[in-house]
Amino acid sequence: MGSVSDHPICATCGVQFPRGHDLERCPVCDEERQYVGYGGQQWTTLEALRGDHANVLRQEPRGLWGVGTEPWFGIGQRALIVPGEDADGAPANLLWDCISLVDDDTVRRIGELGGLAAIAISHPHYYSAMLEWSEAFGGIPVYVHADDARWVEHCVRGRADPVRLWEGDAFEVLPGRTLLNLRVHFAGGTVVHWPGSDGRGAVCSGDILQVVSDRRWVSFMYSYPNLIPEHPDTVRRAVRMLEPYDFDMVYGAWWGKILDGAQVEGGAKVAVRRSAERYLRHLGEAL
């Protein structure tokens, strides 16, 4: 890869900011949905991460690959490589969500899987080093919902900008991979629907739909670390948004956080609806 970036990366959320950013605060962490680490605001760089961390690629169920960093860094999410083709039938993988570390070995290994044609990100906590990832794969576009545009501005100021803001409820970012703006967690909170390698369908959800420790269920939160519940109307809207789409898998944001419809009564889509009903019931509401 090219010269190592020295742009600051927040050690708590893993989001990269432009050189010259005010190191007194991370605007992503200094907000009620996130938090400043117990040791105070701390920073690192991509150069430092490449020195003491490494990425691992692991095959996930039903044709996806995950990409995560070890040892754990930031929020600890792993990205997903969602396979498919472009309009001409050529291989065109989508990177779903992002991580802070990208290096030559990662680029080489993903290249062996067909490379990347685009990046799409669920919400600002996972912007990570999105511009570095775009550059590493030839300046590919990064898709973020327009309702989160103010968060993008923190990250791209003064840099080449591959970010593409999309609007509305749904957008087919690549053939067969449709972004859905559920509005959970952030106004631009997005999942991606994928028909799946076996035709059963899947939703890659980040933590917009949070696959919980009991993997028969998901949950919905405005803030996960600070335990602020999502608004009932937003949860109802999310369920309505998913209704036209068939899916029997929900891939959460971390290794192992997968709701497999083959292992739950009624399948994954029913489990999401059942989860919403349970969530709302405990708020004294109904779906």
Protein backbone atom coordinates (compact mmCIF):
# COMPACT_ATOMS: atom_id res chain seq x y z
CA MET A 1 0.00 0.00 0.00
CA GLY A 2 1.00 3.66 -0.19
CA SER A 3 2.38 5.83 2.59
CA VAL A 4 1.13 5.03 6.06
CA SER A 5 -1.56 7.44 7.23
CA ASP A 6 -1.00 9.47 10.39
CA HIS A 7 -4.58 10.70 10.59
CA PRO A 8 -5.86 10.29 14.18
CA ILE A 9 -8.08 7.33 15.05
CA CYS A 10 -10.17 7.40 18.22
CA ALA A 11 -9.14 4.48 20.42
CA THR A 12 -12.66 4.09 21.84
CA CYS A 13 -14.87 4.12 18.73
CA GLY A 14 -12.23 3.43 16.08
CA VAL A 15 -13.31 6.28 13.78
CA GLN A 16 -10.57 8.06 11.82
CA PHE A 17 -10.50 11.85 11.51
CA PRO A 18 -8.55 14.25 9.29
CA ARG A 19 -5.04 15.37 10.15
CA GLY A 20 -5.30 18.50 12.33
CA HIS A 21 -8.47 17.35 14.09
CA ASP A 22 -8.94 18.78 17.59
CA LEU A 23 -7.56 15.98 19.77
CA GLU A 24 -9.40 17.23 22.82
CA ARG A 25 -12.55 15.43 21.71
CA CYS A 26 -13.98 12.80 19.45
CA PRO A 27 -17.36 14.06 18.19
CA VAL A 28 -18.60 10.48 17.80
CA CYS A 29 -17.81 9.50 21.39
CA ASP A 30 -18.73 12.86 22.91
CA GLU A 31 -22.42 12.24 22.28
CA GLU A 32 -25.11 10.45 24.27
CA ARG A 33 -25.11 7.30 22.11
CA GLN A 34 -21.40 6.64 22.74
CA TYR A 35 -18.94 7.45 25.54
CA VAL A 36 -15.40 8.62 26.22
CA GLY A 37 -13.22 5.79 27.51
CA TYR A 38 -12.53 5.54 31.24
CA GLY A 39 -8.95 6.66 30.69
CA GLY A 40 -10.07 9.82 28.90
CA GLN A 41 -9.88 10.66 25.21
CA GLN A 42 -7.12 8.63 23.55
CA TRP A 43 -5.90 8.42 19.98
CA THR A 44 -3.86 6.16 17.76
CA THR A 45 -3.00 6.03 14.05
CA LEU A 46 -3.21 3.52 11.25
CA GLU A 47 0.57 3.23 11.37
CA ALA A 48 0.43 2.23 15.04
CA LEU A 49 -2.40 -0.24 14.45
CA ARG A 50 -0.43 -1.93 11.69
CA GLY A 51 2.39 -2.44 14.17
CA ASP A 52 0.49 -4.29 16.89
CA HIS A 53 -2.80 -5.51 15.37
CA ALA A 54 -3.72 -7.76 12.45
CA ASN A 55 -6.87 -8.57 10.53
CA VAL A 56 -8.38 -12.02 10.27
CA LEU A 57 -10.73 -13.26 7.55
CA ARG A 58 -13.16 -16.03 8.42
CA GLN A 59 -15.92 -17.61 6.41
CA GLU A 60 -19.36 -16.99 7.84
CA PRO A 61 -22.37 -19.25 7.24
CA ARG A 62 -23.91 -19.26 3.75
CA GLY A 63 -21.30 -17.62 1.63
CA LEU A 64 -20.19 -14.50 3.46
CA TRP A 65 -16.71 -13.66 4.72
CA GLY A 66 -16.04 -11.64 7.85
CA VAL A 67 -13.07 -9.30 8.38
CA GLY A 68 -12.10 -8.39 11.93
CA THR A 69 -9.13 -7.05 13.88
CA GLU A 70 -7.19 -8.87 16.57
CA PRO A 71 -6.61 -8.09 19.34
CA TRP A 72 -9.92 -6.32 19.90
CA PHE A 73 -9.87 -2.66 18.91
CA GLY A 74 -12.45 0.11 19.35
CA ILE A 75 -15.99 -1.25 19.32
CA GLY A 76 -14.73 -4.59 18.05
CA GLN A 77 -17.14 -5.05 15.13
CA ARG A 78 -16.20 -7.12 12.09
CA ALA A 79 -17.03 -6.13 8.54
CA LEU A 80 -18.71 -8.48 6.07
CA ILE A 81 -17.94 -9.19 2.42
CA VAL A 82 -21.30 -9.62 0.69
CA PRO A 83 -20.75 -11.33 -2.66
CA GLY A 84 -22.49 -10.76 -5.96
CA GLU A 85 -22.08 -9.36 -9.45
CA ASP A 86 -22.37 -6.01 -11.16
CA ALA A 87 -24.86 -5.18 -13.90
CA ASP A 88 -22.58 -6.80 -16.48
CA GLY A 89 -22.21 -10.05 -14.55
CA ALA A 90 -18.67 -9.40 -13.32
CA PRO A 91 -17.80 -10.15 -9.66
CA ALA A 92 -18.66 -7.17 -7.46
CA ASN A 93 -18.32 -7.66 -3.72
CA LEU A 94 -19.79 -5.21 -1.21
CA LEU A 95 -17.95 -4.43 2.03
CA TRP A 96 -20.66 -4.06 4.65
CA ASP A 97 -19.63 -1.85 7.56
CA CYS A 98 -15.97 -1.10 8.15
CA ILE A 99 -13.06 -1.51 10.55
CA SER A 100 -10.13 0.74 11.42
CA LEU A 101 -7.27 -1.42 10.17
CA VAL A 102 -6.48 -1.98 6.49
CA ASP A 103 -3.08 -3.23 5.32
CA ASP A 104 -1.40 -4.95 2.38
CA ASP A 105 -2.16 -8.46 3.61
CA THR A 106 -5.86 -7.66 4.03
CA VAL A 107 -6.06 -6.13 0.55
CA ARG A 108 -4.29 -9.15 -0.94
CA ARG A 109 -6.58 -11.66 0.76
CA ILE A 110 -9.75 -9.80 -0.18
CA GLY A 111 -8.37 -9.54 -3.71
CA GLU A 112 -8.24 -13.34 -3.80
CA LEU A 113 -11.99 -13.28 -3.04
CA GLY A 114 -12.67 -10.93 -5.96
CA GLY A 115 -11.85 -7.56 -4.40
CA LEU A 116 -14.39 -4.90 -3.51
CA ALA A 117 -16.66 -2.79 -5.72
CA ALA A 118 -18.28 -0.64 -3.03
CA ILE A 119 -18.58 -0.04 0.70
CA ALA A 120 -21.82 0.59 2.61
CA ILE A 121 -21.98 1.51 6.28
CA SER A 122 -24.81 1.11 8.76
CA HIS A 123 -24.17 4.12 11.04
CA PRO A 124 -21.44 6.55 12.21
CA HIS A 125 -19.98 4.29 14.92
CA TYR A 126 -18.68 2.05 12.12
CA TYR A 127 -17.25 4.67 9.77
CA SER A 128 -13.84 3.54 11.06
CA ALA A 129 -11.16 4.15 8.39
CA MET A 130 -13.65 4.17 5.52
CA LEU A 131 -11.59 6.56 3.38
CA GLU A 132 -8.48 4.40 3.77
CA TRP A 133 -10.46 1.32 2.73
CA SER A 134 -11.85 3.12 -0.30
CA GLU A 135 -8.38 4.23 -1.37
CA ALA A 136 -6.90 0.75 -0.84
CA PHE A 137 -9.35 -0.68 -3.37
CA GLY A 138 -8.97 1.99 -6.03
CA GLY A 139 -11.21 4.78 -4.74
CA ILE A 140 -14.42 2.73 -4.60
CA PRO A 141 -17.58 4.56 -3.43
CA VAL A 142 -18.67 4.55 0.21
CA TYR A 143 -22.46 4.67 0.66
CA VAL A 144 -23.92 6.39 3.73
CA HIS A 145 -27.48 7.54 4.26
CA ALA A 146 -27.95 11.29 3.78
CA ASP A 147 -29.63 11.64 7.18
CA ASP A 148 -26.20 11.02 8.75
CA ALA A 149 -24.41 13.57 6.55
CA ARG A 150 -23.33 15.75 9.48
CA TRP A 151 -21.34 12.84 10.90
CA VAL A 152 -19.61 12.24 7.57
CA GLU A 153 -18.41 15.85 7.54
CA HIS A 154 -16.32 15.23 10.67
CA CYS A 155 -14.39 12.46 8.89
CA VAL A 156 -13.79 13.74 5.35
CA ARG A 157 -12.89 17.39 5.87
CA GLY A 158 -10.00 18.35 3.58
CA ARG A 159 -9.67 14.88 2.04
CA ALA A 160 -10.65 13.29 -1.25
CA ASP A 161 -14.24 12.28 -0.73
CA PRO A 162 -15.54 8.97 -2.11
CA VAL A 163 -18.63 9.14 0.12
CA ARG A 164 -21.96 8.91 -1.71
CA LEU A 165 -25.00 10.05 0.25
CA TRP A 166 -28.17 8.19 -0.64
CA GLU A 167 -31.70 9.25 0.25
CA GLY A 168 -35.05 7.62 0.86
CA ASP A 169 -36.01 4.27 2.34
CA ALA A 170 -34.26 1.81 0.00
CA PHE A 171 -31.39 1.82 -2.45
CA GLU A 172 -29.91 -1.06 -4.46
CA VAL A 173 -26.23 -0.31 -4.00
CA LEU A 174 -25.17 -3.28 -6.17
CA PRO A 175 -27.37 -5.82 -7.95
CA GLY A 176 -29.11 -7.95 -5.33
CA ARG A 177 -27.84 -5.90 -2.37
CA THR A 178 -30.40 -3.39 -1.15
CA LEU A 179 -29.81 -0.83 1.58
CA LEU A 180 -32.80 -0.21 3.86
CA ASN A 181 -32.96 2.85 6.09
CA LEU A 182 -34.64 1.50 9.26
CA ARG A 183 -33.75 4.67 11.25
CA VAL A 184 -32.94 2.63 14.38
CA HIS A 185 -29.99 3.89 16.50
CA PHE A 186 -29.33 6.80 14.09
CA ALA A 187 -31.58 8.65 11.65
CA GLY A 188 -29.54 7.08 8.85
CA GLY A 189 -29.41 3.65 10.53
CA THR A 190 -29.23 1.15 7.67
CA VAL A 191 -29.20 -2.59 7.04
CA VAL A 192 -28.51 -4.43 3.79
CA HIS A 193 -30.74 -7.15 2.37
CA TRP A 194 -29.04 -9.88 0.33
CA PRO A 195 -30.88 -12.73 -1.43
CA GLY A 196 -28.23 -15.15 -0.16
CA SER A 197 -26.24 -17.89 -1.81
CA ASP A 198 -29.06 -20.37 -1.15
CA GLY A 199 -32.00 -18.08 -1.97
CA ARG A 200 -33.23 -17.94 1.62
CA GLY A 201 -32.26 -14.31 2.03
CA ALA A 202 -30.28 -12.50 4.71
CA VAL A 203 -30.09 -9.16 6.47
CA CYS A 204 -26.69 -7.78 7.47
CA SER A 205 -27.65 -5.52 10.32
CA GLY A 206 -24.65 -4.12 12.17
CA ASP A 207 -26.32 -3.19 15.43
CA ILE A 208 -29.32 -1.55 13.81
CA LEU A 209 -31.00 -4.88 14.54
CA GLN A 210 -28.86 -6.04 17.45
CA VAL A 211 -28.45 -9.82 17.58
CA VAL A 212 -28.33 -10.37 21.33
CA SER A 213 -26.63 -13.05 23.42
CA ASP A 214 -29.71 -15.26 23.15
CA ARG A 215 -29.39 -15.52 19.38
CA ARG A 216 -33.06 -16.32 18.89
CA TRP A 217 -33.77 -12.61 19.34
CA VAL A 218 -32.75 -9.13 18.28
CA SER A 219 -33.19 -5.82 20.06
CA PHE A 220 -33.45 -2.15 19.19
CA MET A 221 -31.68 0.67 21.04
CA TYR A 222 -30.98 4.36 20.58
CA SER A 223 -27.80 3.83 22.62
CA TYR A 224 -26.42 0.41 23.42
CA PRO A 225 -23.59 1.32 25.83
CA ASN A 226 -25.75 3.86 27.69
CA LEU A 227 -28.95 1.74 27.58
CA ILE A 228 -31.26 4.33 26.02
CA PRO A 229 -34.19 2.53 24.39
CA GLU A 230 -35.30 3.18 20.83
CA HIS A 231 -38.62 4.96 20.30
CA PRO A 232 -41.60 2.63 19.79
CA ASP A 233 -42.62 4.35 16.55
CA THR A 234 -39.14 3.74 15.13
CA VAL A 235 -39.31 0.04 16.01
CA ARG A 236 -42.72 -0.29 14.36
CA ARG A 237 -41.41 1.45 11.25
CA ALA A 238 -38.40 -0.88 11.07
CA VAL A 239 -40.63 -3.95 11.11
CA ARG A 240 -42.81 -2.48 8.36
CA MET A 241 -39.74 -1.68 6.27
CA LEU A 242 -38.55 -5.29 6.44
CA GLU A 243 -41.93 -6.82 5.64
CA PRO A 244 -41.52 -6.95 1.80
CA TYR A 245 -38.14 -8.71 2.06
CA ASP A 246 -37.59 -12.40 2.60
CA PHE A 247 -34.73 -13.38 4.90
CA ASP A 248 -33.82 -16.28 7.13
CA MET A 249 -30.51 -15.03 8.53
CA VAL A 250 -29.55 -11.90 10.44
CA TYR A 251 -25.82 -11.19 10.61
CA GLY A 252 -25.03 -8.93 13.56
CA ALA A 253 -21.96 -6.78 14.04
CA TRP A 254 -19.65 -9.20 15.87
CA TRP A 255 -18.25 -12.66 15.36
CA GLY A 256 -20.85 -15.24 16.35
CA LYS A 257 -23.74 -12.78 16.60
CA ILE A 258 -25.89 -14.45 13.94
CA LEU A 259 -29.58 -15.24 14.13
CA ASP A 260 -30.00 -18.38 12.01
CA GLY A 261 -33.59 -18.95 10.98
CA ALA A 262 -33.02 -22.69 10.79
CA GLN A 263 -32.53 -22.68 14.56
CA VAL A 264 -35.52 -20.59 15.67
CA GLU A 265 -39.24 -21.20 15.52
CA GLY A 266 -40.76 -19.64 12.42
CA GLY A 267 -37.43 -18.51 10.95
CA ALA A 268 -35.43 -15.30 11.21
CA LYS A 269 -38.03 -12.91 9.81
CA VAL A 270 -40.63 -14.12 12.29
CA ALA A 271 -38.02 -13.88 15.06
CA VAL A 272 -37.39 -10.20 14.26
CA ARG A 273 -41.10 -9.46 14.44
CA ARG A 274 -41.42 -11.47 17.64
CA SER A 275 -38.48 -9.52 19.08
CA ALA A 276 -40.19 -6.22 18.25
CA GLU A 277 -43.40 -7.41 19.91
CA ARG A 278 -41.49 -8.37 23.06
CA TYR A 279 -39.56 -5.09 23.11
CA LEU A 280 -42.71 -3.01 22.75
CA ARG A 281 -44.63 -5.08 25.29
CA HIS A 282 -42.06 -4.21 27.95
CA LEU A 283 -42.59 -0.53 27.16
CA GLY A 284 -46.34 -0.92 27.55
CA GLU A 285 -46.80 -0.66 23.79
CA ALA A 286 -47.98 -2.93 20.97
CA LEU A 287 -46.67 -3.57 17.49
